PDB file of N, CA and C in Angstrom:
ATOM      1  N   VAL A   1      71.690  21.696 -28.599  1.00  0.00           N
ATOM      2  CA  VAL A   1      71.438  21.754 -30.024  1.00  0.00           C
ATOM      3  C   VAL A   1      72.726  21.362 -30.736  1.00  0.00           C
ATOM      4  N   PHE A   2      72.601  20.408 -31.642  1.00  0.00           N
ATOM      5  CA  PHE A   2      73.737  19.964 -32.437  1.00  0.00           C
ATOM      6  C   PHE A   2      73.318  20.008 -33.897  1.00  0.00           C
ATOM      7  N   TYR A   3      74.216  20.440 -34.724  1.00  0.00           N
ATOM      8  CA  TYR A   3      73.874  20.510 -36.145  1.00  0.00           C
ATOM      9  C   TYR A   3      75.093  20.231 -36.998  1.00  0.00           C
ATOM     10  N   LYS A   4      74.825  19.861 -38.212  1.00  0.00           N
ATOM     11  CA  LYS A   4      75.850  19.733 -39.237  1.00  0.00           C
ATOM     12  C   LYS A   4      75.133  19.995 -40.544  1.00  0.00           C
ATOM     13  N   SER A   5      75.376  21.136 -41.095  1.00  0.00           N
ATOM     14  CA  SER A   5      74.679  21.569 -42.302  1.00  0.00           C
ATOM     15  C   SER A   5      74.970  20.639 -43.478  1.00  0.00           C
ATOM     16  N   GLY A   6      73.930  20.373 -44.242  1.00  0.00           N
ATOM     17  CA  GLY A   6      74.087  19.606 -45.469  1.00  0.00           C
ATOM     18  C   GLY A   6      74.328  18.122 -45.278  1.00  0.00           C
ATOM     19  N   THR A   7      73.887  17.564 -44.164  1.00  0.00           N
ATOM     20  CA  THR A   7      74.058  16.125 -43.950  1.00  0.00           C
ATOM     21  C   THR A   7      72.699  15.446 -43.910  1.00  0.00           C
ATOM     22  N   PHE A   8      72.697  14.177 -44.193  1.00  0.00           N
ATOM     23  CA  PHE A   8      71.472  13.407 -44.086  1.00  0.00           C
ATOM     24  C   PHE A   8      71.132  13.213 -42.608  1.00  0.00           C
ATOM     25  N   PRO A   9      69.850  13.104 -42.269  1.00  0.00           N
ATOM     26  CA  PRO A   9      69.476  12.920 -40.861  1.00  0.00           C
ATOM     27  C   PRO A   9      70.179  11.744 -40.193  1.00  0.00           C
ATOM     28  N   SER A  10      70.429  10.688 -40.941  1.00  0.00           N
ATOM     29  CA  SER A  10      71.056   9.517 -40.332  1.00  0.00           C
ATOM     30  C   SER A  10      72.510   9.758 -39.942  1.00  0.00           C
ATOM     31  N   PHE A  11      73.102  10.862 -40.377  1.00  0.00           N
ATOM     32  CA  PHE A  11      74.472  11.198 -39.976  1.00  0.00           C
ATOM     33  C   PHE A  11      74.609  11.159 -38.460  1.00  0.00           C
ATOM     34  N   PHE A  12      73.570  11.632 -37.763  1.00  0.00           N
ATOM     35  CA  PHE A  12      73.643  11.728 -36.307  1.00  0.00           C
ATOM     36  C   PHE A  12      73.529  10.382 -35.609  1.00  0.00           C
ATOM     37  N   SER A  13      73.213   9.337 -36.335  1.00  0.00           N
ATOM     38  CA  SER A  13      73.178   8.010 -35.708  1.00  0.00           C
ATOM     39  C   SER A  13      74.579   7.563 -35.303  1.00  0.00           C
ATOM     40  N   MET A  14      75.594   8.206 -35.861  1.00  0.00           N
ATOM     41  CA  MET A  14      76.980   7.837 -35.538  1.00  0.00           C
ATOM     42  C   MET A  14      77.477   8.485 -34.246  1.00  0.00           C
ATOM     43  N   CYS A  15      76.748   9.489 -33.744  1.00  0.00           N
ATOM     44  CA  CYS A  15      77.292  10.223 -32.598  1.00  0.00           C
ATOM     45  C   CYS A  15      76.289  10.408 -31.461  1.00  0.00           C
ATOM     46  N   THR A  16      75.228   9.637 -31.444  1.00  0.00           N
ATOM     47  CA  THR A  16      74.220   9.836 -30.394  1.00  0.00           C
ATOM     48  C   THR A  16      74.789   9.621 -29.000  1.00  0.00           C
ATOM     49  N   ASN A  17      75.721   8.703 -28.840  1.00  0.00           N
ATOM     50  CA  ASN A  17      76.323   8.479 -27.515  1.00  0.00           C
ATOM     51  C   ASN A  17      77.005   9.720 -26.980  1.00  0.00           C
ATOM     52  N   SER A  18      77.577  10.517 -27.856  1.00  0.00           N
ATOM     53  CA  SER A  18      78.329  11.685 -27.407  1.00  0.00           C
ATOM     54  C   SER A  18      77.471  12.932 -27.242  1.00  0.00           C
ATOM     55  N   VAL A  19      76.273  12.951 -27.787  1.00  0.00           N
ATOM     56  CA  VAL A  19      75.461  14.175 -27.708  1.00  0.00           C
ATOM     57  C   VAL A  19      74.172  14.030 -26.904  1.00  0.00           C
ATOM     58  N   LEU A  20      73.754  12.812 -26.608  1.00  0.00           N
ATOM     59  CA  LEU A  20      72.498  12.624 -25.876  1.00  0.00           C
ATOM     60  C   LEU A  20      72.742  11.987 -24.513  1.00  0.00           C
ATOM     61  N   PRO A  21      72.278  12.652 -23.455  1.00  0.00           N
ATOM     62  CA  PRO A  21      72.319  11.973 -22.156  1.00  0.00           C
ATOM     63  C   PRO A  21      71.177  10.952 -22.084  1.00  0.00           C
ATOM     64  N   PRO A  22      71.318   9.912 -21.280  1.00  0.00           N
ATOM     65  CA  PRO A  22      70.297   8.859 -21.203  1.00  0.00           C
ATOM     66  C   PRO A  22      68.932   9.347 -20.712  1.00  0.00           C
ATOM     67  N   ASP A  23      68.896  10.460 -19.976  1.00  0.00           N
ATOM     68  CA  ASP A  23      67.627  10.958 -19.448  1.00  0.00           C
ATOM     69  C   ASP A  23      66.967  11.993 -20.367  1.00  0.00           C
ATOM     70  N   THR A  24      67.397  12.050 -21.620  1.00  0.00           N
ATOM     71  CA  THR A  24      66.798  12.965 -22.594  1.00  0.00           C
ATOM     72  C   THR A  24      65.310  12.665 -22.710  1.00  0.00           C
ATOM     73  N   ARG A  25      64.496  13.720 -22.733  1.00  0.00           N
ATOM     74  CA  ARG A  25      63.044  13.532 -22.783  1.00  0.00           C
ATOM     75  C   ARG A  25      62.459  13.693 -24.173  1.00  0.00           C
ATOM     76  N   ILE A  26      63.043  14.584 -24.956  1.00  0.00           N
ATOM     77  CA  ILE A  26      62.533  14.802 -26.311  1.00  0.00           C
ATOM     78  C   ILE A  26      63.704  15.095 -27.239  1.00  0.00           C
ATOM     79  N   VAL A  27      63.624  14.538 -28.427  1.00  0.00           N
ATOM     80  CA  VAL A  27      64.645  14.764 -29.447  1.00  0.00           C
ATOM     81  C   VAL A  27      63.930  15.271 -30.692  1.00  0.00           C
ATOM     82  N   LEU A  28      64.283  16.476 -31.104  1.00  0.00           N
ATOM     83  CA  LEU A  28      63.760  17.050 -32.344  1.00  0.00           C
ATOM     84  C   LEU A  28      64.833  16.912 -33.403  1.00  0.00           C
ATOM     85  N   LEU A  29      64.483  16.293 -34.497  1.00  0.00           N
ATOM     86  CA  LEU A  29      65.435  16.086 -35.594  1.00  0.00           C
ATOM     87  C   LEU A  29      64.882  16.721 -36.854  1.00  0.00           C
ATOM     88  N   GLU A  30      65.641  17.633 -37.411  1.00  0.00           N
ATOM     89  CA  GLU A  30      65.210  18.234 -38.662  1.00  0.00           C
ATOM     90  C   GLU A  30      65.362  17.225 -39.780  1.00  0.00           C
ATOM     91  N   ALA A  31      64.352  17.154 -40.600  1.00  0.00           N
ATOM     92  CA  ALA A  31      64.363  16.198 -41.701  1.00  0.00           C
ATOM     93  C   ALA A  31      63.939  16.911 -42.982  1.00  0.00           C
ATOM     94  N   PRO A  32      64.897  17.548 -43.653  1.00  0.00           N
ATOM     95  CA  PRO A  32      64.548  18.206 -44.912  1.00  0.00           C
ATOM     96  C   PRO A  32      64.223  17.164 -45.973  1.00  0.00           C
ATOM     97  N   THR A  33      63.028  17.238 -46.512  1.00  0.00           N
ATOM     98  CA  THR A  33      62.577  16.194 -47.433  1.00  0.00           C
ATOM     99  C   THR A  33      63.394  16.152 -48.714  1.00  0.00           C
ATOM    100  N   TRP A  34      64.020  17.230 -49.092  1.00  0.00           N
ATOM    101  CA  TRP A  34      64.810  17.233 -50.323  1.00  0.00           C
ATOM    102  C   TRP A  34      66.098  16.426 -50.177  1.00  0.00           C
ATOM    103  N   MET A  35      66.479  16.093 -48.951  1.00  0.00           N
ATOM    104  CA  MET A  35      67.719  15.339 -48.739  1.00  0.00           C
ATOM    105  C   MET A  35      67.493  13.837 -48.680  1.00  0.00           C
ATOM    106  N   ILE A  36      66.246  13.424 -48.705  1.00  0.00           N
ATOM    107  CA  ILE A  36      65.940  12.011 -48.542  1.00  0.00           C
ATOM    108  C   ILE A  36      65.136  11.537 -49.740  1.00  0.00           C
ATOM    109  N   THR A  37      65.542  10.442 -50.328  1.00  0.00           N
ATOM    110  CA  THR A  37      64.767   9.890 -51.435  1.00  0.00           C
ATOM    111  C   THR A  37      63.612   9.069 -50.862  1.00  0.00           C
ATOM    112  N   GLN A  38      62.551   8.963 -51.609  1.00  0.00           N
ATOM    113  CA  GLN A  38      61.407   8.181 -51.147  1.00  0.00           C
ATOM    114  C   GLN A  38      61.809   6.759 -50.805  1.00  0.00           C
ATOM    115  N   ALA A  39      62.672   6.185 -51.621  1.00  0.00           N
ATOM    116  CA  ALA A  39      63.083   4.807 -51.400  1.00  0.00           C
ATOM    117  C   ALA A  39      63.892   4.656 -50.112  1.00  0.00           C
ATOM    118  N   GLY A  40      64.571   5.708 -49.668  1.00  0.00           N
ATOM    119  CA  GLY A  40      65.436   5.611 -48.506  1.00  0.00           C
ATOM    120  C   GLY A  40      64.881   6.212 -47.232  1.00  0.00           C
ATOM    121  N   ILE A  41      63.663   6.720 -47.274  1.00  0.00           N
ATOM    122  CA  ILE A  41      63.120   7.423 -46.112  1.00  0.00           C
ATOM    123  C   ILE A  41      63.043   6.522 -44.882  1.00  0.00           C
ATOM    124  N   LYS A  42      62.438   5.366 -45.024  1.00  0.00           N
ATOM    125  CA  LYS A  42      62.271   4.501 -43.857  1.00  0.00           C
ATOM    126  C   LYS A  42      63.624   4.088 -43.281  1.00  0.00           C
ATOM    127  N   GLU A  43      64.571   3.752 -44.142  1.00  0.00           N
ATOM    128  CA  GLU A  43      65.901   3.351 -43.681  1.00  0.00           C
ATOM    129  C   GLU A  43      66.586   4.498 -42.932  1.00  0.00           C
ATOM    130  N   GLN A  44      66.502   5.714 -43.481  1.00  0.00           N
ATOM    131  CA  GLN A  44      67.121   6.873 -42.838  1.00  0.00           C
ATOM    132  C   GLN A  44      66.487   7.135 -41.470  1.00  0.00           C
ATOM    133  N   LEU A  45      65.161   7.144 -41.412  1.00  0.00           N
ATOM    134  CA  LEU A  45      64.469   7.415 -40.148  1.00  0.00           C
ATOM    135  C   LEU A  45      64.736   6.311 -39.131  1.00  0.00           C
ATOM    136  N   ALA A  46      64.723   5.060 -39.583  1.00  0.00           N
ATOM    137  CA  ALA A  46      64.955   3.940 -38.667  1.00  0.00           C
ATOM    138  C   ALA A  46      66.360   3.988 -38.090  1.00  0.00           C
ATOM    139  N   ARG A  47      67.337   4.319 -38.900  1.00  0.00           N
ATOM    140  CA  ARG A  47      68.719   4.348 -38.432  1.00  0.00           C
ATOM    141  C   ARG A  47      68.895   5.361 -37.291  1.00  0.00           C
ATOM    142  N   ILE A  48      68.384   6.564 -37.470  1.00  0.00           N
ATOM    143  CA  ILE A  48      68.560   7.579 -36.427  1.00  0.00           C
ATOM    144  C   ILE A  48      67.656   7.288 -35.229  1.00  0.00           C
ATOM    145  N   ALA A  49      66.436   6.826 -35.466  1.00  0.00           N
ATOM    146  CA  ALA A  49      65.525   6.521 -34.349  1.00  0.00           C
ATOM    147  C   ALA A  49      66.081   5.395 -33.485  1.00  0.00           C
ATOM    148  N   ASN A  50      66.605   4.361 -34.106  1.00  0.00           N
ATOM    149  CA  ASN A  50      67.178   3.251 -33.338  1.00  0.00           C
ATOM    150  C   ASN A  50      68.392   3.701 -32.538  1.00  0.00           C
ATOM    151  N   ALA A  51      69.202   4.573 -33.117  1.00  0.00           N
ATOM    152  CA  ALA A  51      70.371   5.088 -32.399  1.00  0.00           C
ATOM    153  C   ALA A  51      69.941   5.917 -31.193  1.00  0.00           C
ATOM    154  N   VAL A  52      68.920   6.754 -31.364  1.00  0.00           N
ATOM    155  CA  VAL A  52      68.408   7.565 -30.244  1.00  0.00           C
ATOM    156  C   VAL A  52      67.833   6.651 -29.169  1.00  0.00           C
ATOM    157  N   ARG A  53      67.072   5.667 -29.573  1.00  0.00           N
ATOM    158  CA  ARG A  53      66.432   4.772 -28.599  1.00  0.00           C
ATOM    159  C   ARG A  53      67.442   3.937 -27.808  1.00  0.00           C
ATOM    160  N   ARG A  54      68.565   3.608 -28.419  1.00  0.00           N
ATOM    161  CA  ARG A  54      69.609   2.883 -27.687  1.00  0.00           C
ATOM    162  C   ARG A  54      70.193   3.733 -26.562  1.00  0.00           C
ATOM    163  N   VAL A  55      70.368   5.023 -26.824  1.00  0.00           N
ATOM    164  CA  VAL A  55      71.008   5.917 -25.851  1.00  0.00           C
ATOM    165  C   VAL A  55      70.001   6.497 -24.869  1.00  0.00           C
ATOM    166  N   ALA A  56      68.856   6.912 -25.378  1.00  0.00           N
ATOM    167  CA  ALA A  56      67.832   7.569 -24.559  1.00  0.00           C
ATOM    168  C   ALA A  56      66.493   6.867 -24.800  1.00  0.00           C
ATOM    169  N   PRO A  57      66.298   5.713 -24.182  1.00  0.00           N
ATOM    170  CA  PRO A  57      65.129   4.881 -24.497  1.00  0.00           C
ATOM    171  C   PRO A  57      63.774   5.505 -24.175  1.00  0.00           C
ATOM    172  N   ASN A  58      63.731   6.482 -23.297  1.00  0.00           N
ATOM    173  CA  ASN A  58      62.450   7.099 -22.940  1.00  0.00           C
ATOM    174  C   ASN A  58      62.169   8.393 -23.688  1.00  0.00           C
ATOM    175  N   ALA A  59      63.057   8.787 -24.567  1.00  0.00           N
ATOM    176  CA  ALA A  59      62.894  10.042 -25.293  1.00  0.00           C
ATOM    177  C   ALA A  59      61.803   9.927 -26.355  1.00  0.00           C
ATOM    178  N   VAL A  60      61.023  10.973 -26.472  1.00  0.00           N
ATOM    179  CA  VAL A  60      60.072  11.100 -27.573  1.00  0.00           C
ATOM    180  C   VAL A  60      60.868  11.636 -28.760  1.00  0.00           C
ATOM    181  N   ILE A  61      60.702  11.017 -29.899  1.00  0.00           N
ATOM    182  CA  ILE A  61      61.424  11.438 -31.104  1.00  0.00           C
ATOM    183  C   ILE A  61      60.442  12.132 -32.040  1.00  0.00           C
ATOM    184  N   VAL A  62      60.811  13.329 -32.467  1.00  0.00           N
ATOM    185  CA  VAL A  62      59.971  14.097 -33.388  1.00  0.00           C
ATOM    186  C   VAL A  62      60.826  14.523 -34.573  1.00  0.00           C
ATOM    187  N   PHE A  63      60.401  14.148 -35.757  1.00  0.00           N
ATOM    188  CA  PHE A  63      61.056  14.617 -36.970  1.00  0.00           C
ATOM    189  C   PHE A  63      60.354  15.882 -37.427  1.00  0.00           C
ATOM    190  N   VAL A  64      61.117  16.945 -37.536  1.00  0.00           N
ATOM    191  CA  VAL A  64      60.604  18.231 -38.005  1.00  0.00           C
ATOM    192  C   VAL A  64      60.793  18.238 -39.515  1.00  0.00           C
ATOM    193  N   GLU A  65      59.685  18.182 -40.226  1.00  0.00           N
ATOM    194  CA  GLU A  65      59.734  18.070 -41.685  1.00  0.00           C
ATOM    195  C   GLU A  65      59.840  19.449 -42.331  1.00  0.00           C
ATOM    196  N   TRP A  66      60.871  19.603 -43.132  1.00  0.00           N
ATOM    197  CA  TRP A  66      61.065  20.810 -43.932  1.00  0.00           C
ATOM    198  C   TRP A  66      60.799  20.431 -45.387  1.00  0.00           C
ATOM    199  N   PRO A  67      59.592  20.690 -45.868  1.00  0.00           N
ATOM    200  CA  PRO A  67      59.320  20.321 -47.255  1.00  0.00           C
ATOM    201  C   PRO A  67      60.065  21.235 -48.223  1.00  0.00           C
ATOM    202  N   ALA A  68      60.351  20.703 -49.394  1.00  0.00           N
ATOM    203  CA  ALA A  68      60.927  21.515 -50.458  1.00  0.00           C
ATOM    204  C   ALA A  68      59.923  22.617 -50.803  1.00  0.00           C
ATOM    205  N   LEU A  69      60.427  23.773 -51.185  1.00  0.00           N
ATOM    206  CA  LEU A  69      59.563  24.926 -51.450  1.00  0.00           C
ATOM    207  C   LEU A  69      58.453  24.601 -52.438  1.00  0.00           C
ATOM    208  N   GLU A  70      58.768  23.827 -53.474  1.00  0.00           N
ATOM    209  CA  GLU A  70      57.738  23.508 -54.472  1.00  0.00           C
ATOM    210  C   GLU A  70      56.661  22.574 -53.918  1.00  0.00           C
ATOM    211  N   ASP A  71      56.915  21.931 -52.775  1.00  0.00           N
ATOM    212  CA  ASP A  71      55.941  21.018 -52.177  1.00  0.00           C
ATOM    213  C   ASP A  71      54.994  21.706 -51.198  1.00  0.00           C
ATOM    214  N   VAL A  72      55.289  22.937 -50.803  1.00  0.00           N
ATOM    215  CA  VAL A  72      54.491  23.591 -49.765  1.00  0.00           C
ATOM    216  C   VAL A  72      53.058  23.818 -50.218  1.00  0.00           C
ATOM    217  N   SER A  73      52.847  24.278 -51.441  1.00  0.00           N
ATOM    218  CA  SER A  73      51.484  24.559 -51.885  1.00  0.00           C
ATOM    219  C   SER A  73      50.627  23.305 -51.975  1.00  0.00           C
ATOM    220  N   GLU A  74      51.245  22.180 -52.273  1.00  0.00           N
ATOM    221  CA  GLU A  74      50.513  20.923 -52.364  1.00  0.00           C
ATOM    222  C   GLU A  74      51.055  19.943 -51.333  1.00  0.00           C
ATOM    223  N   SER A  75      51.349  20.457 -50.163  1.00  0.00           N
ATOM    224  CA  SER A  75      52.101  19.715 -49.160  1.00  0.00           C
ATOM    225  C   SER A  75      51.463  18.394 -48.755  1.00  0.00           C
ATOM    226  N   ALA A  76      50.162  18.341 -48.684  1.00  0.00           N
ATOM    227  CA  ALA A  76      49.524  17.109 -48.209  1.00  0.00           C
ATOM    228  C   ALA A  76      49.774  15.949 -49.169  1.00  0.00           C
ATOM    229  N   MET A  77      50.032  16.252 -50.420  1.00  0.00           N
ATOM    230  CA  MET A  77      50.191  15.207 -51.415  1.00  0.00           C
ATOM    231  C   MET A  77      51.632  15.026 -51.883  1.00  0.00           C
ATOM    232  N   ALA A  78      52.567  15.828 -51.370  1.00  0.00           N
ATOM    233  CA  ALA A  78      53.958  15.713 -51.802  1.00  0.00           C
ATOM    234  C   ALA A  78      54.448  14.295 -51.498  1.00  0.00           C
ATOM    235  N   PRO A  79      54.950  13.591 -52.498  1.00  0.00           N
ATOM    236  CA  PRO A  79      55.342  12.190 -52.312  1.00  0.00           C
ATOM    237  C   PRO A  79      56.336  11.963 -51.170  1.00  0.00           C
ATOM    238  N   ASN A  80      57.341  12.820 -51.039  1.00  0.00           N
ATOM    239  CA  ASN A  80      58.309  12.628 -49.964  1.00  0.00           C
ATOM    240  C   ASN A  80      57.670  12.800 -48.591  1.00  0.00           C
ATOM    241  N   LEU A  81      56.756  13.754 -48.455  1.00  0.00           N
ATOM    242  CA  LEU A  81      56.088  13.953 -47.168  1.00  0.00           C
ATOM    243  C   LEU A  81      55.164  12.787 -46.839  1.00  0.00           C
ATOM    244  N   VAL A  82      54.451  12.301 -47.826  1.00  0.00           N
ATOM    245  CA  VAL A  82      53.571  11.152 -47.612  1.00  0.00           C
ATOM    246  C   VAL A  82      54.402   9.940 -47.194  1.00  0.00           C
ATOM    247  N   ALA A  83      55.521   9.717 -47.886  1.00  0.00           N
ATOM    248  CA  ALA A  83      56.393   8.584 -47.556  1.00  0.00           C
ATOM    249  C   ALA A  83      57.018   8.759 -46.177  1.00  0.00           C
ATOM    250  N   MET A  84      57.421   9.987 -45.838  1.00  0.00           N
ATOM    251  CA  MET A  84      58.028  10.233 -44.532  1.00  0.00           C
ATOM    252  C   MET A  84      57.008  10.005 -43.421  1.00  0.00           C
ATOM    253  N   ASP A  85      55.794  10.494 -43.603  1.00  0.00           N
ATOM    254  CA  ASP A  85      54.752  10.294 -42.596  1.00  0.00           C
ATOM    255  C   ASP A  85      54.435   8.812 -42.404  1.00  0.00           C
ATOM    256  N   ALA A  86      54.363   8.072 -43.500  1.00  0.00           N
ATOM    257  CA  ALA A  86      54.073   6.636 -43.414  1.00  0.00           C
ATOM    258  C   ALA A  86      55.192   5.895 -42.680  1.00  0.00           C
ATOM    259  N   ALA A  87      56.435   6.213 -43.025  1.00  0.00           N
ATOM    260  CA  ALA A  87      57.569   5.564 -42.360  1.00  0.00           C
ATOM    261  C   ALA A  87      57.610   5.928 -40.885  1.00  0.00           C
ATOM    262  N   ALA A  88      57.389   7.199 -40.572  1.00  0.00           N
ATOM    263  CA  ALA A  88      57.409   7.642 -39.174  1.00  0.00           C
ATOM    264  C   ALA A  88      56.312   6.946 -38.373  1.00  0.00           C
ATOM    265  N   SER A  89      55.136   6.827 -38.952  1.00  0.00           N
ATOM    266  CA  SER A  89      54.038   6.158 -38.270  1.00  0.00           C
ATOM    267  C   SER A  89      54.386   4.700 -37.975  1.00  0.00           C
ATOM    268  N   GLU A  90      54.954   4.036 -38.954  1.00  0.00           N
ATOM    269  CA  GLU A  90      55.330   2.631 -38.774  1.00  0.00           C
ATOM    270  C   GLU A  90      56.413   2.476 -37.700  1.00  0.00           C
ATOM    271  N   LEU A  91      57.313   3.449 -37.619  1.00  0.00           N
ATOM    272  CA  LEU A  91      58.405   3.411 -36.643  1.00  0.00           C
ATOM    273  C   LEU A  91      58.022   4.022 -35.291  1.00  0.00           C
ATOM    274  N   LYS A  92      56.762   4.469 -35.184  1.00  0.00           N
ATOM    275  CA  LYS A  92      56.258   5.098 -33.951  1.00  0.00           C
ATOM    276  C   LYS A  92      57.071   6.342 -33.580  1.00  0.00           C
ATOM    277  N   ILE A  93      57.237   7.203 -34.586  1.00  0.00           N
ATOM    278  CA  ILE A  93      57.925   8.478 -34.442  1.00  0.00           C
ATOM    279  C   ILE A  93      56.923   9.567 -34.783  1.00  0.00           C
ATOM    280  N   ASP A  94      56.952  10.648 -34.025  1.00  0.00           N
ATOM    281  CA  ASP A  94      56.089  11.787 -34.317  1.00  0.00           C
ATOM    282  C   ASP A  94      56.717  12.656 -35.399  1.00  0.00           C
ATOM    283  N   THR A  95      55.869  13.401 -36.096  1.00  0.00           N
ATOM    284  CA  THR A  95      56.350  14.366 -37.086  1.00  0.00           C
ATOM    285  C   THR A  95      55.609  15.677 -36.911  1.00  0.00           C
ATOM    286  N   VAL A  96      56.259  16.748 -37.306  1.00  0.00           N
ATOM    287  CA  VAL A  96      55.612  18.055 -37.374  1.00  0.00           C
ATOM    288  C   VAL A  96      56.183  18.754 -38.595  1.00  0.00           C
ATOM    289  N   ARG A  97      55.300  19.335 -39.370  1.00  0.00           N
ATOM    290  CA  ARG A  97      55.749  20.080 -40.549  1.00  0.00           C
ATOM    291  C   ARG A  97      55.955  21.530 -40.142  1.00  0.00           C
ATOM    292  N   VAL A  98      57.057  22.080 -40.548  1.00  0.00           N
ATOM    293  CA  VAL A  98      57.445  23.424 -40.127  1.00  0.00           C
ATOM    294  C   VAL A  98      56.351  24.448 -40.432  1.00  0.00           C
ATOM    295  N   TYR A  99      55.792  24.412 -41.606  1.00  0.00           N
ATOM    296  CA  TYR A  99      54.817  25.443 -41.957  1.00  0.00           C
ATOM    297  C   TYR A  99      53.539  25.321 -41.130  1.00  0.00           C
ATOM    298  N   HIS A 100      53.199  24.126 -40.628  1.00  0.00           N
ATOM    299  CA  HIS A 100      52.044  24.002 -39.739  1.00  0.00           C
ATOM    300  C   HIS A 100      52.351  24.695 -38.417  1.00  0.00           C
ATOM    301  N   ALA A 101      53.548  24.484 -37.915  1.00  0.00           N
ATOM    302  CA  ALA A 101      53.946  25.119 -36.647  1.00  0.00           C
ATOM    303  C   ALA A 101      54.017  26.629 -36.809  1.00  0.00           C
ATOM    304  N   LEU A 102      54.560  27.097 -37.915  1.00  0.00           N
ATOM    305  CA  LEU A 102      54.686  28.546 -38.123  1.00  0.00           C
ATOM    306  C   LEU A 102      53.334  29.204 -38.356  1.00  0.00           C
ATOM    307  N   ARG A 103      52.422  28.483 -38.957  1.00  0.00           N
ATOM    308  CA  ARG A 103      51.097  29.036 -39.207  1.00  0.00           C
ATOM    309  C   ARG A 103      50.376  29.351 -37.885  1.00  0.00           C
ATOM    310  N   ALA A 104      50.678  28.580 -36.851  1.00  0.00           N
ATOM    311  CA  ALA A 104      50.031  28.763 -35.558  1.00  0.00           C
ATOM    312  C   ALA A 104      50.611  29.952 -34.778  1.00  0.00           C
ATOM    313  N   VAL A 105      51.748  30.469 -35.230  1.00  0.00           N
ATOM    314  CA  VAL A 105      52.402  31.562 -34.497  1.00  0.00           C
ATOM    315  C   VAL A 105      51.814  32.899 -34.891  1.00  0.00           C
TER     316      VAL A 105
END
């Protein structure tokens, strides 16, 4: 587990060589929607996904979406979540929303 509080997800694209072994099977990346603008979502996701794929080409990449608190009640329609899901789908990246996972617990 590697973290750096208050950074954009693409921050980790600079250090994937040092934190991921080539045989990594799954990479979970937290993606707080409040840190990413709609216009920059695809670029941010692509940058980190491409960096992971260069180092660990067989790893499944999952972005764990943390919606802003005001988006939870209307989460399916929150613009940042819709944009993130669309970008992730285009980049062939999986997503999971935190509250969906917690609801199952």
